[in-house]
C-alpha cells in the first residue's frame, strides 16, 4: 500500500489521493448542464476547439514549435467535458510521474551517463576514421 504524508504531517494513502481527484464528467456550468440542447452545443464547441488545437499540435510535430505541449493542451480542453480525455490525461500524468521517478534513480542516471559516454566515444571514433580515410572532403563531388 502506498503511503506518504501531506503538509500537515498526516499519513495519506493512495485511496485518499484518489478520493481527492476531481470526479469524472462534465465541468460545464450548472445552467448549461440543466438544458440538454445547450449542453450538447457546449460539448460540440469544446470538441471543435480541442480538435483545432490538437491538429495544430500534430502539424507542429515535424515543424518548429511545441507540438506535444499543444497536443496535451488540446487534450486538457477536451478533458473539461469528456470522460475519455480525462482518463487519458490521468494515465499520461501517471506514466510521466513514473518515468520521472525512474529517471531520478541514481542507478538509472549512472547507466544513462555510461551509455551516452560510450555512444559519444563510438561516434568520435567513426568520425576520426572517416577523416583519416577521406580527409575533410565533402561526400559529394562539387567541381567549380
Protein backbone atom coordinates (compact mmCIF):
# COMPACT_ATOMS: atom_id res chain seq x y z
CA UNK A 1 0.00 0.00 0.00
CA UNK A 2 1.39 3.40 -0.94
CA UNK A 3 1.51 5.83 1.93
CA UNK A 4 3.01 9.25 2.38
CA UNK A 5 2.38 12.39 4.36
CA UNK A 6 0.78 15.66 3.43
CA UNK A 7 1.74 19.19 4.50
CA UNK A 8 0.16 18.73 7.93
CA UNK A 9 2.09 15.51 8.60
CA UNK A 10 -0.96 13.24 8.37
CA UNK A 11 -0.48 9.86 6.71
CA UNK A 12 -2.09 9.83 3.26
CA UNK A 13 -2.86 6.59 1.43
CA UNK A 14 -3.36 6.04 -2.29
CA UNK A 15 -7.12 5.73 -1.68
CA UNK A 16 -7.15 9.21 -0.12
CA UNK A 17 -5.31 10.60 -3.14
CA UNK A 18 -7.86 9.01 -5.49
CA UNK A 19 -10.72 10.46 -3.45
CA UNK A 20 -9.17 13.92 -3.77
CA UNK A 21 -9.09 13.76 -7.57
CA UNK A 22 -11.90 15.55 -9.30
CA UNK A 23 -14.85 13.45 -10.29
CA UNK A 24 -15.07 12.38 -13.91
CA UNK A 25 -17.58 14.15 -16.12
CA UNK A 26 -18.53 17.50 -17.50
CA UNK A 27 -17.24 20.65 -15.86
CA UNK A 28 -19.70 22.89 -17.67
CA UNK A 29 -21.60 25.41 -15.54
CA UNK A 30 -24.80 24.08 -13.98
CA UNK A 31 -27.11 26.30 -16.02
CA UNK A 32 -25.62 24.80 -19.20
CA UNK A 33 -25.87 21.21 -17.95
CA UNK A 34 -29.52 21.80 -17.00
CA UNK A 35 -30.51 22.42 -20.64
CA UNK A 36 -29.85 19.43 -22.91
CA UNK A 37 -29.51 21.31 -26.23
CA UNK A 38 -27.30 23.99 -24.68
CA UNK A 39 -25.11 21.31 -23.10
CA UNK A 40 -24.85 19.44 -26.40
CA UNK A 41 -23.81 22.60 -28.24
CA UNK A 42 -21.34 23.34 -25.42
CA UNK A 43 -19.82 19.88 -25.93
CA UNK A 44 -19.62 20.37 -29.69
CA UNK A 45 -17.89 23.72 -29.17
CA UNK A 46 -15.39 22.23 -26.70
CA UNK A 47 -14.74 19.34 -29.10
CA UNK A 48 -14.15 21.66 -32.07
CA UNK A 49 -11.82 23.98 -30.14
CA UNK A 50 -9.90 20.99 -28.70
CA UNK A 51 -9.70 19.38 -32.14
CA UNK A 52 -8.31 22.55 -33.71
CA UNK A 53 -5.62 22.77 -31.02
CA UNK A 54 -4.72 19.06 -31.27
CA UNK A 55 -4.49 19.32 -35.08
CA UNK A 56 -2.26 22.37 -34.69
CA UNK A 57 -0.05 20.37 -32.33
CA UNK A 58 0.15 17.46 -34.76
CA UNK A 59 1.16 19.89 -37.51
CA UNK A 60 3.86 21.28 -35.20
CA UNK A 61 5.40 17.84 -34.61
CA UNK A 62 7.51 17.89 -37.81
CA UNK A 63 7.61 21.69 -37.96
CA UNK A 64 9.18 24.07 -35.44
CA UNK A 65 7.01 24.56 -32.42
CA UNK A 66 5.97 22.90 -29.16
CA UNK A 67 3.92 20.13 -30.79
CA UNK A 68 3.47 17.79 -27.82
CA UNK A 69 2.73 20.65 -25.45
CA UNK A 70 0.00 21.93 -27.77
CA UNK A 71 -1.45 18.41 -28.19
CA UNK A 72 -1.66 17.97 -24.42
CA UNK A 73 -3.22 21.42 -24.17
CA UNK A 74 -5.95 20.33 -26.60
CA UNK A 75 -6.43 17.14 -24.58
CA UNK A 76 -6.81 19.25 -21.43
CA UNK A 77 -9.53 21.27 -23.17
CA UNK A 78 -11.30 18.04 -24.13
CA UNK A 79 -10.89 16.79 -20.55
CA UNK A 80 -13.07 19.64 -19.30
CA UNK A 81 -16.01 17.93 -20.97
CA UNK A 82 -15.25 14.32 -21.94
CA UNK A 83 -14.53 11.42 -19.59
CA UNK A 84 -12.31 9.58 -22.10
CA UNK A 85 -9.99 12.59 -22.31
CA UNK A 86 -9.88 12.84 -18.51
CA UNK A 87 -8.85 9.18 -18.32
CA UNK A 88 -6.19 9.67 -21.00
CA UNK A 89 -4.75 12.66 -19.14
CA UNK A 90 -4.74 10.78 -15.82
CA UNK A 91 -2.96 7.83 -17.48
CA UNK A 92 -0.43 10.19 -19.11
CA UNK A 93 0.21 12.01 -15.83
CA UNK A 94 0.75 8.70 -14.05
CA UNK A 95 3.19 7.48 -16.73
CA UNK A 96 5.14 10.75 -16.74
CA UNK A 97 5.40 10.64 -12.94
CA UNK A 98 6.64 7.03 -13.07
CA UNK A 99 9.19 7.90 -15.77
CA UNK A 100 10.39 10.89 -13.74
CA UNK A 101 10.87 8.70 -10.68
CA UNK A 102 12.79 6.11 -12.75
CA UNK A 103 14.97 8.82 -14.30
CA UNK A 104 15.86 10.22 -10.88
CA UNK A 105 17.03 6.80 -9.67
CA UNK A 106 20.84 7.06 -9.23
CA UNK A 107 21.49 3.66 -10.84
CA UNK A 108 19.47 4.61 -13.92
CA UNK A 109 21.22 8.00 -14.17
CA UNK A 110 24.63 6.32 -13.87
CA UNK A 111 23.67 3.80 -16.58
CA UNK A 112 22.42 6.57 -18.87
CA UNK A 113 25.62 8.58 -18.40
CA UNK A 114 27.76 5.50 -19.15
CA UNK A 115 25.72 4.63 -22.28
CA UNK A 116 25.87 8.24 -23.51
CA UNK A 117 29.65 8.34 -22.99
CA UNK A 118 30.12 5.05 -24.86
CA UNK A 119 27.91 6.32 -27.70
CA UNK A 120 29.89 9.56 -27.97
CA UNK A 121 33.19 7.64 -28.00
CA UNK A 122 31.91 5.38 -30.80
CA UNK A 123 30.73 8.40 -32.83
CA UNK A 124 34.09 10.12 -32.23
CA UNK A 125 36.00 7.04 -33.41
CA UNK A 126 33.82 6.75 -36.54
CA UNK A 127 34.30 10.46 -37.35
CA UNK A 128 38.05 10.06 -36.81
CA UNK A 129 38.20 7.03 -39.14
CA UNK A 130 36.22 8.93 -41.78
CA UNK A 131 38.50 11.97 -41.56
CA UNK A 132 41.64 9.77 -41.64
CA UNK A 133 40.38 7.87 -44.70
CA UNK A 134 38.77 10.68 -46.72
CA UNK A 135 40.07 13.88 -45.17
CA UNK A 136 37.84 16.90 -44.81
CA UNK A 137 36.44 16.43 -48.31
CA UNK A 138 32.68 16.54 -48.54
CA UNK A 139 30.99 13.27 -49.56
CA UNK A 140 29.53 14.82 -52.72
CA UNK A 141 31.63 15.88 -55.68
CA UNK A 142 31.33 19.61 -56.37
CA UNK A 143 33.52 20.98 -59.11
CA UNK A 144 33.71 24.73 -59.51
